[in-house]
């Protein structure tokens, strides 16, 4: 539309002519929206609000008297408030390139002042502190001209040919080199260990693979051997089963034959032996009874014979006294005692014979008595002491 102007997003539109601006400014400030401007009666100019850059390269002397070449970069812009726009517009609207030149000069002066109060070690190791101090000291001056600083970066610090910074960094360089060598050695050792571990793993994998292959091969060989032996083994098993059946049949036949032999031979033999034993026992019992009866009969016969021969024995004993010289001391009583003694001796002999016949060797002695015909010999010379007299036999 004719007469309607709109500033860019990074611009401030300054309208001069007509009413004054805020705070008695010679122009009005319009940002972020359009404005209808009467042509001929109003004049419009635009002030950039975008970021600007200024580079500073300055030789500064430290507190130790060592000259340093410092290079810094300043990022700045016009402030967004109306007051900063008005201040910057009054100073740089006709030549906005002067903002970078003036900003560089301002920062160069503050940079020299700040570096002059610091040592080389502080400057090298505390660059951020240096930048912060420079920003703090320049903030007031920059605000007066309507500019704000976004950042200050110290690009480089060089001492030229003095070699101070190199000498200062030499121990650090040596330490760094030593650490680098140690790190390199450790890395080499780690790499060697990794290679050895990888080689061991590969060898172990190869060993496991060989073992598995060998196991598979052995299993295949066993399966093939088993398959090749399946026919003979089956035939052998069948033959073994036949032999087992034949063996069992033979055992059963042997058991049956054994039972038949027991029934045909052993049992009849045992029965015959039992019969013979019973007959032998009966015969022994019969013979025992006969022997006992015979022995009893012999004793009765012997007793009878002895009784029959007793008078003869007494007679023989008396006859032995016929030629003897007998002195009777007490007369008729003495003769009676002699006769009684002879009879008593005969009875004693009879009892002795009976006892011998009843003893362990009675049968033998009985036989001897039968063979001798029952003859007994009486001793002719015997002394006997009667109670009331004495008999002397010569």
Foldseek 3Di string as FASTA:
>chain_A
DPQKDADDQQKWKWKAADDADPPRQRTHTDHDGIDRGDPPRIDIAIDGFDKDKAKEWDWAAALVRFIKTWIKMWIKGFDPDPVLVSLQCVPDRVPVVVVRVVVRVLLRVLLNVLRHHHDPVCCVVPVVVSFVSSQVVCQVVCVNSRMHIPGMGTDDMGRPPPCPVVVVCVVVVVVVVVVVVVVVVVVVVVVVVVVVVVVVVVVVVVVVVVVVVVVVVVVVVVVVVCVVCVVVVVVVVVVVVVVVVVVVVVVVVVVVVVVVCCVVPVVVVVVVVVVVVVVVVVVVVVVVVVVVVVLVVLLVVVLVVLVVCLVVQLVVLVVLCPPKDKDQDPPPVSVVVVSVVSSVVSVVVSVVLSVCLVDPCNVVVSVVCVVVVNDDDDDSDDFDDDDPTGMHID
